[in-house]
Amino acid sequence: MPLVNGGKIADDGFVKLAVDTPLPEGGDILMPAERFIGEADALLDRAGKVGVIWPNNRDISELVPYLGKLAVVALVFPTFRDGRAYSQARLLRERYNYRGELRATGQVLRDQFVFMLRAGFDSFEVKKQADAEAFMQTAKRYSVFYQPTGDGRITALHRRMQLRHSEGVGT
Protein backbone atom coordinates (compact mmCIF):
# COMPACT_ATOMS: atom_id res chain seq x y z
CA MET A 1 0.00 0.00 0.00
CA PRO A 2 1.37 3.43 -0.86
CA LEU A 3 2.14 5.69 2.09
CA VAL A 4 1.76 9.45 1.89
CA ASN A 5 3.74 11.28 4.55
CA GLY A 6 4.42 14.99 4.75
CA GLY A 7 2.52 15.53 1.51
CA LYS A 8 4.78 13.17 -0.46
CA ILE A 9 4.73 9.52 -1.42
CA ALA A 10 7.15 7.86 0.99
CA ASP A 11 8.61 4.47 1.81
CA ASP A 12 7.21 2.93 4.97
CA GLY A 13 10.18 2.15 7.20
CA PHE A 14 8.00 0.24 9.64
CA VAL A 15 7.54 -3.53 9.48
CA LYS A 16 3.97 -4.54 10.32
CA LEU A 17 3.77 -7.37 12.79
CA ALA A 18 0.78 -9.57 13.53
CA VAL A 19 -0.12 -10.60 17.06
CA ASP A 20 1.86 -13.83 16.74
CA THR A 21 4.74 -12.71 14.46
CA PRO A 22 8.17 -13.16 16.06
CA LEU A 23 9.69 -9.87 17.15
CA PRO A 24 12.72 -8.82 15.07
CA GLU A 25 15.82 -7.86 17.05
CA GLY A 26 16.02 -4.40 15.55
CA GLY A 27 14.28 -2.09 13.14
CA ASP A 28 11.10 -0.08 13.28
CA ILE A 29 7.91 -2.03 14.02
CA LEU A 30 4.19 -1.36 13.84
CA MET A 31 1.88 -3.76 15.68
CA PRO A 32 -1.72 -4.32 16.71
CA ALA A 33 -2.98 -2.70 19.91
CA GLU A 34 -3.55 -5.95 21.79
CA ARG A 35 0.06 -7.01 21.30
CA PHE A 36 1.44 -3.59 22.15
CA ILE A 37 -0.54 -3.26 25.39
CA GLY A 38 0.46 -6.78 26.44
CA GLU A 39 4.18 -6.24 25.82
CA ALA A 40 4.58 -2.44 25.98
CA ASP A 41 7.51 -2.18 28.39
CA ALA A 42 9.64 -4.77 26.58
CA LEU A 43 8.77 -3.34 23.17
CA LEU A 44 9.66 0.22 24.11
CA ASP A 45 13.04 -0.89 25.52
CA ARG A 46 14.21 -2.53 22.27
CA ALA A 47 16.28 -0.89 19.54
CA GLY A 48 14.20 0.75 16.82
CA LYS A 49 11.06 2.84 16.73
CA VAL A 50 7.73 1.41 17.84
CA GLY A 51 4.29 2.16 16.48
CA VAL A 52 0.84 0.82 17.22
CA ILE A 53 -2.21 0.12 15.05
CA TRP A 54 -5.10 1.32 17.19
CA PRO A 55 -8.67 0.22 16.35
CA ASN A 56 -11.37 2.85 16.50
CA ASN A 57 -13.46 0.85 18.97
CA ARG A 58 -10.78 0.89 21.66
CA ASP A 59 -10.41 3.65 24.27
CA ILE A 60 -7.57 5.97 23.24
CA SER A 61 -6.82 6.78 26.90
CA GLU A 62 -5.14 3.35 27.21
CA LEU A 63 -2.33 4.74 25.03
CA VAL A 64 -1.69 7.88 27.08
CA PRO A 65 1.09 6.44 29.29
CA TYR A 66 3.07 5.47 26.18
CA LEU A 67 2.53 8.42 23.85
CA GLY A 68 5.90 10.02 24.53
CA LYS A 69 7.67 6.86 23.38
CA LEU A 70 5.54 5.91 20.35
CA ALA A 71 6.83 6.99 16.95
CA VAL A 72 3.57 6.19 15.14
CA VAL A 73 -0.06 5.77 16.08
CA ALA A 74 -2.00 4.31 13.14
CA LEU A 75 -5.74 4.85 13.56
CA VAL A 76 -8.04 2.52 11.67
CA PHE A 77 -10.96 3.50 9.43
CA PRO A 78 -12.70 0.10 9.01
CA THR A 79 -15.28 1.60 6.62
CA PHE A 80 -15.55 5.01 5.01
CA ARG A 81 -18.75 5.66 7.01
CA ASP A 82 -17.10 5.11 10.39
CA GLY A 83 -15.54 8.35 11.59
CA ARG A 84 -14.48 7.42 15.13
CA ALA A 85 -10.81 7.64 14.14
CA TYR A 86 -11.34 11.37 13.48
CA SER A 87 -12.33 11.81 17.12
CA GLN A 88 -9.38 9.72 18.28
CA ALA A 89 -7.02 11.84 16.18
CA ARG A 90 -8.34 15.08 17.63
CA LEU A 91 -8.04 13.71 21.17
CA LEU A 92 -4.46 12.61 20.57
CA ARG A 93 -3.43 15.97 19.10
CA GLU A 94 -5.47 18.39 21.19
CA ARG A 95 -6.01 16.77 24.59
CA TYR A 96 -2.98 14.51 24.87
CA ASN A 97 -0.57 16.68 22.82
CA TYR A 98 0.75 13.73 20.80
CA ARG A 99 3.39 15.02 18.36
CA GLY A 100 4.51 11.79 16.70
CA GLU A 101 3.30 10.50 13.35
CA LEU A 102 -0.46 10.05 13.23
CA ARG A 103 -1.33 7.68 10.42
CA ALA A 104 -4.72 6.97 8.82
CA THR A 105 -5.12 3.37 7.72
CA GLY A 106 -7.94 1.19 6.42
CA GLN A 107 -10.60 2.78 4.22
CA VAL A 108 -8.74 6.01 3.49
CA LEU A 109 -10.54 7.70 0.60
CA ARG A 110 -9.34 10.66 -1.41
CA ASP A 111 -12.44 12.76 -0.73
CA GLN A 112 -11.65 12.60 2.99
CA PHE A 113 -7.98 13.69 2.80
CA VAL A 114 -8.58 17.31 3.77
CA PHE A 115 -10.77 16.32 6.73
CA MET A 116 -8.11 13.89 7.90
CA LEU A 117 -5.41 16.53 7.65
CA ARG A 118 -7.59 18.92 9.64
CA ALA A 119 -8.14 16.30 12.34
CA GLY A 120 -4.36 15.98 12.82
CA PHE A 121 -3.33 13.08 10.59
CA ASP A 122 0.00 13.57 8.86
CA SER A 123 0.40 10.26 7.04
CA PHE A 124 -1.98 8.07 5.08
CA GLU A 125 -1.95 4.48 3.86
CA VAL A 126 -3.92 4.45 0.63
CA LYS A 127 -4.99 1.52 -1.51
CA LYS A 128 -3.97 2.86 -4.92
CA GLN A 129 -1.01 4.77 -6.28
CA ALA A 130 -3.45 7.15 -8.00
CA ASP A 131 -4.91 8.06 -4.58
CA ALA A 132 -1.43 8.83 -3.26
CA GLU A 133 -0.80 11.15 -6.19
CA ALA A 134 -4.24 12.79 -5.77
CA PHE A 135 -3.48 13.44 -2.11
CA MET A 136 -0.51 15.62 -2.97
CA GLN A 137 -2.74 17.83 -5.13
CA THR A 138 -5.55 17.92 -2.56
CA ALA A 139 -3.24 18.94 0.29
CA LYS A 140 -2.01 21.94 -1.71
CA ARG A 141 -5.48 23.07 -2.76
CA TYR A 142 -6.59 24.60 0.56
CA SER A 143 -4.50 26.99 2.62
CA VAL A 144 -7.04 28.89 4.75
CA PHE A 145 -9.68 27.38 7.04
CA TYR A 146 -12.41 28.82 9.24
CA GLN A 147 -12.54 26.17 11.96
CA PRO A 148 -9.73 25.53 14.48
CA THR A 149 -8.63 21.88 14.62
CA GLY A 150 -5.81 19.56 15.55
CA ASP A 151 -3.53 20.32 12.61
CA GLY A 152 -2.10 23.46 14.21
CA ARG A 153 -3.02 25.86 11.40
CA ILE A 154 -4.38 29.23 12.37
CA THR A 155 -7.90 30.07 11.28
CA ALA A 156 -8.93 32.77 8.81
CA LEU A 157 -10.16 34.90 11.72
CA HIS A 158 -6.81 34.66 13.51
CA ARG A 159 -4.96 35.51 10.30
CA ARG A 160 -7.08 38.65 9.93
CA MET A 161 -6.49 39.61 13.55
CA GLN A 162 -2.73 39.12 13.16
CA LEU A 163 -2.73 41.21 10.02
CA ARG A 164 -4.69 44.01 11.69
CA HIS A 165 -2.40 43.92 14.72
CA SER A 166 0.76 44.03 12.58
CA GLU A 167 -0.64 47.01 10.68
CA GLY A 168 -1.60 48.77 13.91
CA VAL A 169 -5.28 48.89 13.00
CA GLY A 170 -7.68 48.92 15.92
CA THR A 171 -5.05 49.40 18.61
C-alpha atoms as a PDB file:
ATOM      1  CA  MET A   1       0.000   0.000   0.000  1.00  0.00           C
ATOM      2  CA  PRO A   2       1.373   3.427  -0.865  1.00  0.00           C
ATOM      3  CA  LEU A   3       2.143   5.688   2.086  1.00  0.00           C
ATOM      4  CA  VAL A   4       1.761   9.453   1.886  1.00  0.00           C
ATOM      5  CA  ASN A   5       3.738  11.277   4.554  1.00  0.00           C
ATOM      6  CA  GLY A   6       4.415  14.987   4.753  1.00  0.00           C
ATOM      7  CA  GLY A   7       2.519  15.534   1.506  1.00  0.00           C
ATOM      8  CA  LYS A   8       4.777  13.166  -0.461  1.00  0.00           C
ATOM      9  CA  ILE A   9       4.730   9.522  -1.419  1.00  0.00           C
ATOM     10  CA  ALA A  10       7.151   7.857   0.991  1.00  0.00           C
ATOM     11  CA  ASP A  11       8.608   4.470   1.809  1.00  0.00           C
ATOM     12  CA  ASP A  12       7.214   2.934   4.967  1.00  0.00           C
ATOM     13  CA  GLY A  13      10.176   2.151   7.202  1.00  0.00           C
ATOM     14  CA  PHE A  14       7.997   0.241   9.644  1.00  0.00           C
ATOM     15  CA  VAL A  15       7.538  -3.528   9.484  1.00  0.00           C
ATOM     16  CA  LYS A  16       3.972  -4.536  10.320  1.00  0.00           C
ATOM     17  CA  LEU A  17       3.765  -7.370  12.794  1.00  0.00           C
ATOM     18  CA  ALA A  18       0.781  -9.571  13.530  1.00  0.00           C
ATOM     19  CA  VAL A  19      -0.122 -10.599  17.064  1.00  0.00           C
ATOM     20  CA  ASP A  20       1.863 -13.831  16.738  1.00  0.00           C
ATOM     21  CA  THR A  21       4.739 -12.710  14.457  1.00  0.00           C
ATOM     22  CA  PRO A  22       8.170 -13.160  16.059  1.00  0.00           C
ATOM     23  CA  LEU A  23       9.691  -9.875  17.146  1.00  0.00           C
ATOM     24  CA  PRO A  24      12.715  -8.820  15.067  1.00  0.00           C
ATOM     25  CA  GLU A  25      15.818  -7.856  17.050  1.00  0.00           C
ATOM     26  CA  GLY A  26      16.023  -4.402  15.551  1.00  0.00           C
ATOM     27  CA  GLY A  27      14.277  -2.085  13.138  1.00  0.00           C
ATOM     28  CA  ASP A  28      11.096  -0.085  13.278  1.00  0.00           C
ATOM     29  CA  ILE A  29       7.909  -2.029  14.018  1.00  0.00           C
ATOM     30  CA  LEU A  30       4.189  -1.361  13.844  1.00  0.00           C
ATOM     31  CA  MET A  31       1.884  -3.756  15.683  1.00  0.00           C
ATOM     32  CA  PRO A  32      -1.724  -4.317  16.711  1.00  0.00           C
ATOM     33  CA  ALA A  33      -2.981  -2.699  19.914  1.00  0.00           C
ATOM     34  CA  GLU A  34      -3.550  -5.954  21.793  1.00  0.00           C
ATOM     35  CA  ARG A  35       0.063  -7.014  21.304  1.00  0.00           C
ATOM     36  CA  PHE A  36       1.438  -3.594  22.148  1.00  0.00           C
ATOM     37  CA  ILE A  37      -0.539  -3.262  25.389  1.00  0.00           C
ATOM     38  CA  GLY A  38       0.455  -6.785  26.439  1.00  0.00           C
ATOM     39  CA  GLU A  39       4.181  -6.237  25.817  1.00  0.00           C
ATOM     40  CA  ALA A  40       4.577  -2.442  25.984  1.00  0.00           C
ATOM     41  CA  ASP A  41       7.513  -2.179  28.393  1.00  0.00           C
ATOM     42  CA  ALA A  42       9.642  -4.766  26.580  1.00  0.00           C
ATOM     43  CA  LEU A  43       8.769  -3.340  23.165  1.00  0.00           C
ATOM     44  CA  LEU A  44       9.656   0.220  24.107  1.00  0.00           C
ATOM     45  CA  ASP A  45      13.039  -0.888  25.518  1.00  0.00           C
ATOM     46  CA  ARG A  46      14.206  -2.529  22.267  1.00  0.00           C
ATOM     47  CA  ALA A  47      16.278  -0.895  19.541  1.00  0.00           C
ATOM     48  CA  GLY A  48      14.204   0.754  16.825  1.00  0.00           C
ATOM     49  CA  LYS A  49      11.056   2.836  16.729  1.00  0.00           C
ATOM     50  CA  VAL A  50       7.727   1.409  17.841  1.00  0.00           C
ATOM     51  CA  GLY A  51       4.293   2.158  16.479  1.00  0.00           C
ATOM     52  CA  VAL A  52       0.839   0.818  17.223  1.00  0.00           C
ATOM     53  CA  ILE A  53      -2.210   0.123  15.050  1.00  0.00           C
ATOM     54  CA  TRP A  54      -5.099   1.320  17.185  1.00  0.00           C
ATOM     55  CA  PRO A  55      -8.667   0.220  16.348  1.00  0.00           C
ATOM     56  CA  ASN A  56     -11.372   2.854  16.498  1.00  0.00           C
ATOM     57  CA  ASN A  57     -13.460   0.854  18.973  1.00  0.00           C
ATOM     58  CA  ARG A  58     -10.779   0.894  21.661  1.00  0.00           C
ATOM     59  CA  ASP A  59     -10.411   3.649  24.267  1.00  0.00           C
ATOM     60  CA  ILE A  60      -7.574   5.967  23.244  1.00  0.00           C
ATOM     61  CA  SER A  61      -6.824   6.776  26.899  1.00  0.00           C
ATOM     62  CA  GLU A  62      -5.135   3.352  27.213  1.00  0.00           C
ATOM     63  CA  LEU A  63      -2.329   4.743  25.034  1.00  0.00           C
ATOM     64  CA  VAL A  64      -1.695   7.878  27.078  1.00  0.00           C
ATOM     65  CA  PRO A  65       1.092   6.445  29.294  1.00  0.00           C
ATOM     66  CA  TYR A  66       3.072   5.467  26.178  1.00  0.00           C
ATOM     67  CA  LEU A  67       2.528   8.419  23.852  1.00  0.00           C
ATOM     68  CA  GLY A  68       5.903  10.018  24.529  1.00  0.00           C
ATOM     69  CA  LYS A  69       7.668   6.856  23.378  1.00  0.00           C
ATOM     70  CA  LEU A  70       5.543   5.914  20.354  1.00  0.00           C
ATOM     71  CA  ALA A  71       6.834   6.994  16.947  1.00  0.00           C
ATOM     72  CA  VAL A  72       3.569   6.192  15.136  1.00  0.00           C
ATOM     73  CA  VAL A  73      -0.055   5.773  16.080  1.00  0.00           C
ATOM     74  CA  ALA A  74      -2.000   4.308  13.142  1.00  0.00           C
ATOM     75  CA  LEU A  75      -5.742   4.850  13.557  1.00  0.00           C
ATOM     76  CA  VAL A  76      -8.044   2.522  11.671  1.00  0.00           C
ATOM     77  CA  PHE A  77     -10.955   3.502   9.432  1.00  0.00           C
ATOM     78  CA  PRO A  78     -12.702   0.104   9.008  1.00  0.00           C
ATOM     79  CA  THR A  79     -15.276   1.601   6.622  1.00  0.00           C
ATOM     80  CA  PHE A  80     -15.555   5.014   5.015  1.00  0.00           C
ATOM     81  CA  ARG A  81     -18.749   5.663   7.006  1.00  0.00           C
ATOM     82  CA  ASP A  82     -17.104   5.109  10.389  1.00  0.00           C
ATOM     83  CA  GLY A  83     -15.537   8.353  11.594  1.00  0.00           C
ATOM     84  CA  ARG A  84     -14.485   7.422  15.131  1.00  0.00           C
ATOM     85  CA  ALA A  85     -10.806   7.636  14.140  1.00  0.00           C
ATOM     86  CA  TYR A  86     -11.335  11.367  13.482  1.00  0.00           C
ATOM     87  CA  SER A  87     -12.334  11.808  17.124  1.00  0.00           C
ATOM     88  CA  GLN A  88      -9.384   9.716  18.281  1.00  0.00           C
ATOM     89  CA  ALA A  89      -7.022  11.844  16.180  1.00  0.00           C
ATOM     90  CA  ARG A  90      -8.336  15.081  17.634  1.00  0.00           C
ATOM     91  CA  LEU A  91      -8.040  13.711  21.167  1.00  0.00           C
ATOM     92  CA  LEU A  92      -4.459  12.611  20.567  1.00  0.00           C
ATOM     93  CA  ARG A  93      -3.427  15.975  19.104  1.00  0.00           C
ATOM     94  CA  GLU A  94      -5.467  18.389  21.191  1.00  0.00           C
ATOM     95  CA  ARG A  95      -6.009  16.766  24.585  1.00  0.00           C
ATOM     96  CA  TYR A  96      -2.977  14.511  24.874  1.00  0.00           C
ATOM     97  CA  ASN A  97      -0.565  16.676  22.825  1.00  0.00           C
ATOM     98  CA  TYR A  98       0.752  13.731  20.799  1.00  0.00           C
ATOM     99  CA  ARG A  99       3.390  15.024  18.364  1.00  0.00           C
ATOM    100  CA  GLY A 100       4.509  11.787  16.695  1.00  0.00           C
ATOM    101  CA  GLU A 101       3.297  10.499  13.354  1.00  0.00           C
ATOM    102  CA  LEU A 102      -0.460  10.054  13.230  1.00  0.00           C
ATOM    103  CA  ARG A 103      -1.331   7.675  10.416  1.00  0.00           C
ATOM    104  CA  ALA A 104      -4.723   6.969   8.824  1.00  0.00           C
ATOM    105  CA  THR A 105      -5.120   3.365   7.720  1.00  0.00           C
ATOM    106  CA  GLY A 106      -7.941   1.189   6.424  1.00  0.00           C
ATOM    107  CA  GLN A 107     -10.605   2.776   4.223  1.00  0.00           C
ATOM    108  CA  VAL A 108      -8.738   6.013   3.493  1.00  0.00           C
ATOM    109  CA  LEU A 109     -10.542   7.699   0.600  1.00  0.00           C
ATOM    110  CA  ARG A 110      -9.335  10.657  -1.405  1.00  0.00           C
ATOM    111  CA  ASP A 111     -12.437  12.758  -0.731  1.00  0.00           C
ATOM    112  CA  GLN A 112     -11.650  12.597   2.994  1.00  0.00           C
ATOM    113  CA  PHE A 113      -7.979  13.693   2.805  1.00  0.00           C
ATOM    114  CA  VAL A 114      -8.577  17.313   3.771  1.00  0.00           C
ATOM    115  CA  PHE A 115     -10.771  16.323   6.725  1.00  0.00           C
ATOM    116  CA  MET A 116      -8.114  13.888   7.896  1.00  0.00           C
ATOM    117  CA  LEU A 117      -5.411  16.535   7.653  1.00  0.00           C
ATOM    118  CA  ARG A 118      -7.586  18.925   9.635  1.00  0.00           C
ATOM    119  CA  ALA A 119      -8.143  16.295  12.342  1.00  0.00           C
ATOM    120  CA  GLY A 120      -4.364  15.984  12.815  1.00  0.00           C
ATOM    121  CA  PHE A 121      -3.333  13.082  10.588  1.00  0.00           C
ATOM    122  CA  ASP A 122      -0.003  13.571   8.857  1.00  0.00           C
ATOM    123  CA  SER A 123       0.401  10.259   7.038  1.00  0.00           C
ATOM    124  CA  PHE A 124      -1.977   8.067   5.085  1.00  0.00           C
ATOM    125  CA  GLU A 125      -1.948   4.484   3.864  1.00  0.00           C
ATOM    126  CA  VAL A 126      -3.917   4.453   0.630  1.00  0.00           C
ATOM    127  CA  LYS A 127      -4.994   1.522  -1.510  1.00  0.00           C
ATOM    128  CA  LYS A 128      -3.969   2.862  -4.923  1.00  0.00           C
ATOM    129  CA  GLN A 129      -1.012   4.773  -6.279  1.00  0.00           C
ATOM    130  CA  ALA A 130      -3.448   7.154  -8.001  1.00  0.00           C
ATOM    131  CA  ASP A 131      -4.907   8.065  -4.582  1.00  0.00           C
ATOM    132  CA  ALA A 132      -1.427   8.832  -3.262  1.00  0.00           C
ATOM    133  CA  GLU A 133      -0.804  11.155  -6.188  1.00  0.00           C
ATOM    134  CA  ALA A 134      -4.237  12.791  -5.765  1.00  0.00           C
ATOM    135  CA  PHE A 135      -3.477  13.435  -2.111  1.00  0.00           C
ATOM    136  CA  MET A 136      -0.511  15.618  -2.968  1.00  0.00           C
ATOM    137  CA  GLN A 137      -2.736  17.827  -5.126  1.00  0.00           C
ATOM    138  CA  THR A 138      -5.547  17.916  -2.556  1.00  0.00           C
ATOM    139  CA  ALA A 139      -3.243  18.935   0.290  1.00  0.00           C
ATOM    140  CA  LYS A 140      -2.006  21.936  -1.706  1.00  0.00           C
ATOM    141  CA  ARG A 141      -5.485  23.069  -2.762  1.00  0.00           C
ATOM    142  CA  TYR A 142      -6.592  24.604   0.559  1.00  0.00           C
ATOM    143  CA  SER A 143      -4.502  26.988   2.620  1.00  0.00           C
ATOM    144  CA  VAL A 144      -7.035  28.887   4.755  1.00  0.00           C
ATOM    145  CA  PHE A 145      -9.680  27.379   7.036  1.00  0.00           C
ATOM    146  CA  TYR A 146     -12.410  28.819   9.242  1.00  0.00           C
ATOM    147  CA  GLN A 147     -12.539  26.173  11.964  1.00  0.00           C
ATOM    148  CA  PRO A 148      -9.733  25.526  14.480  1.00  0.00           C
ATOM    149  CA  THR A 149      -8.627  21.884  14.621  1.00  0.00           C
ATOM    150  CA  GLY A 150      -5.808  19.558  15.549  1.00  0.00           C
ATOM    151  CA  ASP A 151      -3.531  20.321  12.613  1.00  0.00           C
ATOM    152  CA  GLY A 152      -2.100  23.464  14.212  1.00  0.00           C
ATOM    153  CA  ARG A 153      -3.016  25.865  11.396  1.00  0.00           C
ATOM    154  CA  ILE A 154      -4.382  29.227  12.370  1.00  0.00           C
ATOM    155  CA  THR A 155      -7.900  30.068  11.280  1.00  0.00           C
ATOM    156  CA  ALA A 156      -8.933  32.767   8.811  1.00  0.00           C
ATOM    157  CA  LEU A 157     -10.162  34.901  11.719  1.00  0.00           C
ATOM    158  CA  HIS A 158      -6.815  34.663  13.513  1.00  0.00           C
ATOM    159  CA  ARG A 159      -4.962  35.515  10.301  1.00  0.00           C
ATOM    160  CA  ARG A 160      -7.075  38.651   9.925  1.00  0.00           C
ATOM    161  CA  MET A 161      -6.489  39.609  13.546  1.00  0.00           C
ATOM    162  CA  GLN A 162      -2.732  39.122  13.160  1.00  0.00           C
ATOM    163  CA  LEU A 163      -2.728  41.214  10.020  1.00  0.00           C
ATOM    164  CA  ARG A 164      -4.692  44.006  11.691  1.00  0.00           C
ATOM    165  CA  HIS A 165      -2.400  43.922  14.717  1.00  0.00           C
ATOM    166  CA  SER A 166       0.757  44.030  12.581  1.00  0.00           C
ATOM    167  CA  GLU A 167      -0.644  47.007  10.680  1.00  0.00           C
ATOM    168  CA  GLY A 168      -1.599  48.774  13.915  1.00  0.00           C
ATOM    169  CA  VAL A 169      -5.283  48.886  12.996  1.00  0.00           C
ATOM    170  CA  GLY A 170      -7.684  48.923  15.923  1.00  0.00           C
ATOM    171  CA  THR A 171      -5.053  49.405  18.613  1.00  0.00           C
END
